Amino acid sequence: MDKNTSRPVSDAEWYCRRDPEEERFYTLFFRMCRKYDVHWASATPKEQAFIEEVTRVTYERDRAQRLGTPLSEIRPSFAS
């Protein structure tokens, strides 16, 4: 019988696996919360939207620089 190498060894392995991009995003997210002194649990919807947008733009700029893609492709802050 052939073993499927893409299948996790245990049911919990998928849960414990770390995604480096996700960790980088959340590191930036918490850094932005500290920088702007926003406590997420008690933040207003406006404060939460601000932190989400600042984090998105910062993460996308960082990722573009790491991958060598043009920064002009990043959607500007608060643009719909």
PDB file of N, CA and C in Angstrom:
ATOM      1  N   MET A   1       0.841  -1.177   0.000  1.00  0.00           N
ATOM      2  CA  MET A   1       0.000   0.000   0.000  1.00  0.00           C
ATOM      3  C   MET A   1       0.888   1.243   0.000  1.00  0.00           C
ATOM      4  N   ASP A   2       0.614   2.192  -0.891  1.00  0.00           N
ATOM      5  CA  ASP A   2       1.381   3.437  -0.960  1.00  0.00           C
ATOM      6  C   ASP A   2       0.935   4.393   0.121  1.00  0.00           C
ATOM      7  N   LYS A   3       1.905   5.052   0.707  1.00  0.00           N
ATOM      8  CA  LYS A   3       1.573   6.054   1.721  1.00  0.00           C
ATOM      9  C   LYS A   3       1.363   7.398   1.043  1.00  0.00           C
ATOM     10  N   ASN A   4       0.351   8.105   1.453  1.00  0.00           N
ATOM     11  CA  ASN A   4       0.097   9.446   0.944  1.00  0.00           C
ATOM     12  C   ASN A   4       0.951  10.415   1.768  1.00  0.00           C
ATOM     13  N   THR A   5       1.979  10.984   1.151  1.00  0.00           N
ATOM     14  CA  THR A   5       2.919  11.829   1.898  1.00  0.00           C
ATOM     15  C   THR A   5       2.345  13.195   2.234  1.00  0.00           C
ATOM     16  N   SER A   6       1.267  13.624   1.569  1.00  0.00           N
ATOM     17  CA  SER A   6       0.706  14.937   1.865  1.00  0.00           C
ATOM     18  C   SER A   6      -0.281  14.900   3.034  1.00  0.00           C
ATOM     19  N   ARG A   7      -0.641  13.717   3.458  1.00  0.00           N
ATOM     20  CA  ARG A   7      -1.579  13.583   4.571  1.00  0.00           C
ATOM     21  C   ARG A   7      -0.843  13.777   5.888  1.00  0.00           C
ATOM     22  N   PRO A   8      -1.398  14.557   6.805  1.00  0.00           N
ATOM     23  CA  PRO A   8      -0.742  14.754   8.108  1.00  0.00           C
ATOM     24  C   PRO A   8      -0.593  13.437   8.860  1.00  0.00           C
ATOM     25  N   VAL A   9       0.466  13.358   9.659  1.00  0.00           N
ATOM     26  CA  VAL A   9       0.728  12.171  10.454  1.00  0.00           C
ATOM     27  C   VAL A   9      -0.361  11.982  11.495  1.00  0.00           C
ATOM     28  N   SER A  10      -0.832  13.077  12.054  1.00  0.00           N
ATOM     29  CA  SER A  10      -1.898  12.991  13.049  1.00  0.00           C
ATOM     30  C   SER A  10      -2.980  14.004  12.709  1.00  0.00           C
ATOM     31  N   ASP A  11      -4.121  13.843  13.339  1.00  0.00           N
ATOM     32  CA  ASP A  11      -5.217  14.785  13.111  1.00  0.00           C
ATOM     33  C   ASP A  11      -4.901  16.178  13.631  1.00  0.00           C
ATOM     34  N   ALA A  12      -4.004  16.284  14.587  1.00  0.00           N
ATOM     35  CA  ALA A  12      -3.670  17.572  15.185  1.00  0.00           C
ATOM     36  C   ALA A  12      -2.547  18.294  14.451  1.00  0.00           C
ATOM     37  N   GLU A  13      -1.861  17.604  13.554  1.00  0.00           N
ATOM     38  CA  GLU A  13      -0.713  18.218  12.886  1.00  0.00           C
ATOM     39  C   GLU A  13      -1.103  19.467  12.110  1.00  0.00           C
ATOM     40  N   TRP A  14      -2.232  19.443  11.409  1.00  0.00           N
ATOM     41  CA  TRP A  14      -2.663  20.613  10.640  1.00  0.00           C
ATOM     42  C   TRP A  14      -2.883  21.809  11.562  1.00  0.00           C
ATOM     43  N   TYR A  15      -3.336  21.541  12.779  1.00  0.00           N
ATOM     44  CA  TYR A  15      -3.616  22.608  13.733  1.00  0.00           C
ATOM     45  C   TYR A  15      -2.324  23.213  14.278  1.00  0.00           C
ATOM     46  N   CYS A  16      -1.324  22.411  14.450  1.00  0.00           N
ATOM     47  CA  CYS A  16      -0.073  22.855  15.050  1.00  0.00           C
ATOM     48  C   CYS A  16       0.916  23.426  14.038  1.00  0.00           C
ATOM     49  N   ARG A  17       0.669  23.213  12.770  1.00  0.00           N
ATOM     50  CA  ARG A  17       1.575  23.684  11.730  1.00  0.00           C
ATOM     51  C   ARG A  17       1.592  25.208  11.703  1.00  0.00           C
ATOM     52  N   ARG A  18       2.754  25.781  11.507  1.00  0.00           N
ATOM     53  CA  ARG A  18       2.894  27.238  11.507  1.00  0.00           C
ATOM     54  C   ARG A  18       3.082  27.744  10.089  1.00  0.00           C
ATOM     55  N   ASP A  19       2.382  28.810   9.781  1.00  0.00           N
ATOM     56  CA  ASP A  19       2.520  29.464   8.484  1.00  0.00           C
ATOM     57  C   ASP A  19       3.366  30.715   8.702  1.00  0.00           C
ATOM     58  N   PRO A  20       4.559  30.783   8.122  1.00  0.00           N
ATOM     59  CA  PRO A  20       5.435  31.936   8.357  1.00  0.00           C
ATOM     60  C   PRO A  20       4.826  33.269   7.920  1.00  0.00           C
ATOM     61  N   GLU A  21       4.046  33.262   6.851  1.00  0.00           N
ATOM     62  CA  GLU A  21       3.416  34.511   6.395  1.00  0.00           C
ATOM     63  C   GLU A  21       2.356  34.981   7.387  1.00  0.00           C
ATOM     64  N   GLU A  22       1.598  34.035   7.914  1.00  0.00           N
ATOM     65  CA  GLU A  22       0.579  34.380   8.906  1.00  0.00           C
ATOM     66  C   GLU A  22       1.238  34.925  10.172  1.00  0.00           C
ATOM     67  N   GLU A  23       2.324  34.309  10.585  1.00  0.00           N
ATOM     68  CA  GLU A  23       3.037  34.798  11.768  1.00  0.00           C
ATOM     69  C   GLU A  23       3.595  36.194  11.538  1.00  0.00           C
ATOM     70  N   ARG A  24       4.119  36.451  10.331  1.00  0.00           N
ATOM     71  CA  ARG A  24       4.645  37.774  10.003  1.00  0.00           C
ATOM     72  C   ARG A  24       3.523  38.811  10.059  1.00  0.00           C
ATOM     73  N   PHE A  25       2.340  38.453   9.514  1.00  0.00           N
ATOM     74  CA  PHE A  25       1.199  39.360   9.529  1.00  0.00           C
ATOM     75  C   PHE A  25       0.796  39.703  10.968  1.00  0.00           C
ATOM     76  N   TYR A  26       0.648  38.687  11.798  1.00  0.00           N
ATOM     77  CA  TYR A  26       0.211  38.944  13.169  1.00  0.00           C
ATOM     78  C   TYR A  26       1.269  39.657  14.002  1.00  0.00           C
ATOM     79  N   THR A  27       2.535  39.446  13.697  1.00  0.00           N
ATOM     80  CA  THR A  27       3.592  40.206  14.366  1.00  0.00           C
ATOM     81  C   THR A  27       3.422  41.691  14.056  1.00  0.00           C
ATOM     82  N   LEU A  28       3.171  41.998  12.782  1.00  0.00           N
ATOM     83  CA  LEU A  28       2.919  43.393  12.394  1.00  0.00           C
ATOM     84  C   LEU A  28       1.640  43.929  13.042  1.00  0.00           C
ATOM     85  N   PHE A  29       0.610  43.087  13.071  1.00  0.00           N
ATOM     86  CA  PHE A  29      -0.673  43.496  13.663  1.00  0.00           C
ATOM     87  C   PHE A  29      -0.485  43.924  15.118  1.00  0.00           C
ATOM     88  N   PHE A  30       0.177  43.095  15.901  1.00  0.00           N
ATOM     89  CA  PHE A  30       0.365  43.430  17.314  1.00  0.00           C
ATOM     90  C   PHE A  30       1.311  44.610  17.491  1.00  0.00           C
ATOM     91  N   ARG A  31       2.277  44.750  16.583  1.00  0.00           N
ATOM     92  CA  ARG A  31       3.168  45.907  16.625  1.00  0.00           C
ATOM     93  C   ARG A  31       2.380  47.198  16.379  1.00  0.00           C
ATOM     94  N   MET A  32       1.446  47.155  15.444  1.00  0.00           N
ATOM     95  CA  MET A  32       0.625  48.338  15.156  1.00  0.00           C
ATOM     96  C   MET A  32      -0.303  48.660  16.331  1.00  0.00           C
ATOM     97  N   CYS A  33      -0.823  47.642  16.963  1.00  0.00           N
ATOM     98  CA  CYS A  33      -1.668  47.876  18.142  1.00  0.00           C
ATOM     99  C   CYS A  33      -0.866  48.588  19.231  1.00  0.00           C
ATOM    100  N   ARG A  34       0.362  48.135  19.461  1.00  0.00           N
ATOM    101  CA  ARG A  34       1.203  48.789  20.474  1.00  0.00           C
ATOM    102  C   ARG A  34       1.586  50.203  20.039  1.00  0.00           C
ATOM    103  N   LYS A  35       1.953  50.344  18.778  1.00  0.00           N
ATOM    104  CA  LYS A  35       2.390  51.649  18.273  1.00  0.00           C
ATOM    105  C   LYS A  35       1.314  52.713  18.441  1.00  0.00           C
ATOM    106  N   TYR A  36       0.069  52.350  18.150  1.00  0.00           N
ATOM    107  CA  TYR A  36      -1.031  53.316  18.229  1.00  0.00           C
ATOM    108  C   TYR A  36      -1.830  53.185  19.522  1.00  0.00           C
ATOM    109  N   ASP A  37      -1.315  52.403  20.472  1.00  0.00           N
ATOM    110  CA  ASP A  37      -1.932  52.216  21.789  1.00  0.00           C
ATOM    111  C   ASP A  37      -3.407  51.812  21.678  1.00  0.00           C
ATOM    112  N   VAL A  38      -3.648  50.795  20.857  1.00  0.00           N
ATOM    113  CA  VAL A  38      -5.009  50.280  20.670  1.00  0.00           C
ATOM    114  C   VAL A  38      -5.096  48.924  21.335  1.00  0.00           C
ATOM    115  N   HIS A  39      -6.061  48.789  22.221  1.00  0.00           N
ATOM    116  CA  HIS A  39      -6.338  47.512  22.887  1.00  0.00           C
ATOM    117  C   HIS A  39      -7.513  46.891  22.133  1.00  0.00           C
ATOM    118  N   TRP A  40      -7.222  45.846  21.359  1.00  0.00           N
ATOM    119  CA  TRP A  40      -8.184  45.302  20.406  1.00  0.00           C
ATOM    120  C   TRP A  40      -9.524  44.953  21.052  1.00  0.00           C
ATOM    121  N   ALA A  41      -9.513  44.356  22.208  1.00  0.00           N
ATOM    122  CA  ALA A  41     -10.759  43.917  22.847  1.00  0.00           C
ATOM    123  C   ALA A  41     -11.673  45.078  23.211  1.00  0.00           C
ATOM    124  N   SER A  42     -11.105  46.237  23.502  1.00  0.00           N
ATOM    125  CA  SER A  42     -11.932  47.383  23.879  1.00  0.00           C
ATOM    126  C   SER A  42     -11.924  48.484  22.818  1.00  0.00           C
ATOM    127  N   ALA A  43     -11.358  48.207  21.659  1.00  0.00           N
ATOM    128  CA  ALA A  43     -11.278  49.220  20.599  1.00  0.00           C
ATOM    129  C   ALA A  43     -12.641  49.440  19.945  1.00  0.00           C
ATOM    130  N   THR A  44     -12.844  50.657  19.510  1.00  0.00           N
ATOM    131  CA  THR A  44     -14.071  50.971  18.775  1.00  0.00           C
ATOM    132  C   THR A  44     -13.962  50.372  17.368  1.00  0.00           C
ATOM    133  N   PRO A  45     -15.072  50.213  16.671  1.00  0.00           N
ATOM    134  CA  PRO A  45     -15.000  49.715  15.292  1.00  0.00           C
ATOM    135  C   PRO A  45     -14.104  50.590  14.398  1.00  0.00           C
ATOM    136  N   LYS A  46     -14.092  51.880  14.643  1.00  0.00           N
ATOM    137  CA  LYS A  46     -13.246  52.792  13.859  1.00  0.00           C
ATOM    138  C   LYS A  46     -11.763  52.520  14.140  1.00  0.00           C
ATOM    139  N   GLU A  47     -11.417  52.296  15.403  1.00  0.00           N
ATOM    140  CA  GLU A  47     -10.037  51.983  15.762  1.00  0.00           C
ATOM    141  C   GLU A  47      -9.618  50.632  15.170  1.00  0.00           C
ATOM    142  N   GLN A  48     -10.512  49.661  15.232  1.00  0.00           N
ATOM    143  CA  GLN A  48     -10.208  48.348  14.670  1.00  0.00           C
ATOM    144  C   GLN A  48      -9.989  48.430  13.160  1.00  0.00           C
ATOM    145  N   ALA A  49     -10.836  49.194  12.469  1.00  0.00           N
ATOM    146  CA  ALA A  49     -10.680  49.353  11.021  1.00  0.00           C
ATOM    147  C   ALA A  49      -9.354  50.028  10.696  1.00  0.00           C
ATOM    148  N   PHE A  50      -8.976  50.996  11.504  1.00  0.00           N
ATOM    149  CA  PHE A  50      -7.706  51.686  11.295  1.00  0.00           C
ATOM    150  C   PHE A  50      -6.532  50.719  11.432  1.00  0.00           C
ATOM    151  N   ILE A  51      -6.513  49.946  12.505  1.00  0.00           N
ATOM    152  CA  ILE A  51      -5.422  48.997  12.745  1.00  0.00           C
ATOM    153  C   ILE A  51      -5.380  47.946  11.635  1.00  0.00           C
ATOM    154  N   GLU A  52      -6.541  47.431  11.236  1.00  0.00           N
ATOM    155  CA  GLU A  52      -6.584  46.444  10.166  1.00  0.00           C
ATOM    156  C   GLU A  52      -5.989  46.998   8.875  1.00  0.00           C
ATOM    157  N   GLU A  53      -6.336  48.231   8.538  1.00  0.00           N
ATOM    158  CA  GLU A  53      -5.861  48.831   7.292  1.00  0.00           C
ATOM    159  C   GLU A  53      -4.371  49.157   7.354  1.00  0.00           C
ATOM    160  N   VAL A  54      -3.907  49.700   8.451  1.00  0.00           N
ATOM    161  CA  VAL A  54      -2.484  50.012   8.592  1.00  0.00           C
ATOM    162  C   VAL A  54      -1.669  48.716   8.540  1.00  0.00           C
ATOM    163  N   THR A  55      -2.165  47.680   9.167  1.00  0.00           N
ATOM    164  CA  THR A  55      -1.468  46.393   9.145  1.00  0.00           C
ATOM    165  C   THR A  55      -1.457  45.817   7.737  1.00  0.00           C
ATOM    166  N   ARG A  56      -2.580  45.874   7.044  1.00  0.00           N
ATOM    167  CA  ARG A  56      -2.652  45.346   5.674  1.00  0.00           C
ATOM    168  C   ARG A  56      -1.631  46.017   4.773  1.00  0.00           C
ATOM    169  N   VAL A  57      -1.602  47.342   4.795  1.00  0.00           N
ATOM    170  CA  VAL A  57      -0.689  48.076   3.922  1.00  0.00           C
ATOM    171  C   VAL A  57       0.763  47.789   4.301  1.00  0.00           C
ATOM    172  N   THR A  58       1.065  47.787   5.578  1.00  0.00           N
ATOM    173  CA  THR A  58       2.431  47.514   6.030  1.00  0.00           C
ATOM    174  C   THR A  58       2.861  46.114   5.623  1.00  0.00           C
ATOM    175  N   TYR A  59       1.984  45.139   5.819  1.00  0.00           N
ATOM    176  CA  TYR A  59       2.305  43.755   5.452  1.00  0.00           C
ATOM    177  C   TYR A  59       2.504  43.631   3.943  1.00  0.00           C
ATOM    178  N   GLU A  60       1.612  44.201   3.160  1.00  0.00           N
ATOM    179  CA  GLU A  60       1.718  44.084   1.704  1.00  0.00           C
ATOM    180  C   GLU A  60       2.973  44.780   1.180  1.00  0.00           C
ATOM    181  N   ARG A  61       3.347  45.903   1.759  1.00  0.00           N
ATOM    182  CA  ARG A  61       4.582  46.582   1.345  1.00  0.00           C
ATOM    183  C   ARG A  61       5.802  45.724   1.701  1.00  0.00           C
ATOM    184  N   ASP A  62       5.804  45.163   2.888  1.00  0.00           N
ATOM    185  CA  ASP A  62       6.896  44.282   3.310  1.00  0.00           C
ATOM    186  C   ASP A  62       7.003  43.074   2.384  1.00  0.00           C
ATOM    187  N   ARG A  63       5.884  42.465   2.085  1.00  0.00           N
ATOM    188  CA  ARG A  63       5.865  41.278   1.221  1.00  0.00           C
ATOM    189  C   ARG A  63       6.334  41.625  -0.192  1.00  0.00           C
ATOM    190  N   ALA A  64       5.894  42.752  -0.724  1.00  0.00           N
ATOM    191  CA  ALA A  64       6.311  43.173  -2.057  1.00  0.00           C
ATOM    192  C   ALA A  64       7.820  43.392  -2.109  1.00  0.00           C
ATOM    193  N   GLN A  65       8.364  43.994  -1.071  1.00  0.00           N
ATOM    194  CA  GLN A  65       9.803  44.218  -1.037  1.00  0.00           C
ATOM    195  C   GLN A  65      10.567  42.898  -0.967  1.00  0.00           C
ATOM    196  N   ARG A  66      10.061  41.953  -0.175  1.00  0.00           N
ATOM    197  CA  ARG A  66      10.727  40.653  -0.065  1.00  0.00           C
ATOM    198  C   ARG A  66      10.667  39.868  -1.365  1.00  0.00           C
ATOM    199  N   LEU A  67       9.548  39.977  -2.095  1.00  0.00           N
ATOM    200  CA  LEU A  67       9.372  39.208  -3.320  1.00  0.00           C
ATOM    201  C   LEU A  67       9.843  39.957  -4.563  1.00  0.00           C
ATOM    202  N   GLY A  68      10.165  41.233  -4.394  1.00  0.00           N
ATOM    203  CA  GLY A  68      10.640  42.023  -5.523  1.00  0.00           C
ATOM    204  C   GLY A  68       9.543  42.480  -6.463  1.00  0.00           C
ATOM    205  N   THR A  69       8.318  42.539  -5.994  1.00  0.00           N
ATOM    206  CA  THR A  69       7.222  43.034  -6.825  1.00  0.00           C
ATOM    207  C   THR A  69       7.083  44.542  -6.628  1.00  0.00           C
ATOM    208  N   PRO A  70       6.521  45.229  -7.616  1.00  0.00           N
ATOM    209  CA  PRO A  70       6.413  46.687  -7.510  1.00  0.00           C
ATOM    210  C   PRO A  70       5.435  47.126  -6.420  1.00  0.00           C
ATOM    211  N   LEU A  71       5.816  48.156  -5.701  1.00  0.00           N
ATOM    212  CA  LEU A  71       4.958  48.696  -4.639  1.00  0.00           C
ATOM    213  C   LEU A  71       3.715  49.364  -5.225  1.00  0.00           C
ATOM    214  N   SER A  72       3.775  49.728  -6.490  1.00  0.00           N
ATOM    215  CA  SER A  72       2.637  50.394  -7.117  1.00  0.00           C
ATOM    216  C   SER A  72       1.419  49.482  -7.233  1.00  0.00           C
ATOM    217  N   GLU A  73       1.614  48.167  -7.089  1.00  0.00           N
ATOM    218  CA  GLU A  73       0.491  47.221  -7.165  1.00  0.00           C
ATOM    219  C   GLU A  73      -0.276  47.123  -5.851  1.00  0.00           C
ATOM    220  N   ILE A  74       0.208  47.731  -4.821  1.00  0.00           N
ATOM    221  CA  ILE A  74      -0.455  47.666  -3.501  1.00  0.00           C
ATOM    222  C   ILE A  74      -1.580  48.690  -3.459  1.00  0.00           C
ATOM    223  N   ARG A  75      -2.760  48.217  -3.044  1.00  0.00           N
ATOM    224  CA  ARG A  75      -3.898  49.128  -2.917  1.00  0.00           C
ATOM    225  C   ARG A  75      -3.606  50.138  -1.819  1.00  0.00           C
ATOM    226  N   PRO A  76      -3.781  51.424  -2.104  1.00  0.00           N
ATOM    227  CA  PRO A  76      -3.488  52.449  -1.097  1.00  0.00           C
ATOM    228  C   PRO A  76      -4.368  52.312   0.153  1.00  0.00           C
ATOM    229  N   SER A  77      -3.925  52.929   1.214  1.00  0.00           N
ATOM    230  CA  SER A  77      -4.687  52.913   2.468  1.00  0.00           C
ATOM    231  C   SER A  77      -6.074  53.493   2.287  1.00  0.00           C
ATOM    232  N   PHE A  78      -7.038  52.824   2.855  1.00  0.00           N
ATOM    233  CA  PHE A  78      -8.428  53.266   2.912  1.00  0.00           C
ATOM    234  C   PHE A  78      -9.044  53.485   1.536  1.00  0.00           C
ATOM    235  N   ALA A  79      -8.488  52.897   0.496  1.00  0.00           N
ATOM    236  CA  ALA A  79      -9.081  52.973  -0.841  1.00  0.00           C
ATOM    237  C   ALA A  79     -10.047  51.796  -1.013  1.00  0.00           C
ATOM    238  N   SER A  80     -11.170  52.045  -1.660  1.00  0.00           N
ATOM    239  CA  SER A  80     -12.132  50.948  -1.839  1.00  0.00           C
ATOM    240  C   SER A  80     -11.909  50.205  -3.106  1.00  0.00           C
TER     241      SER A  80
END
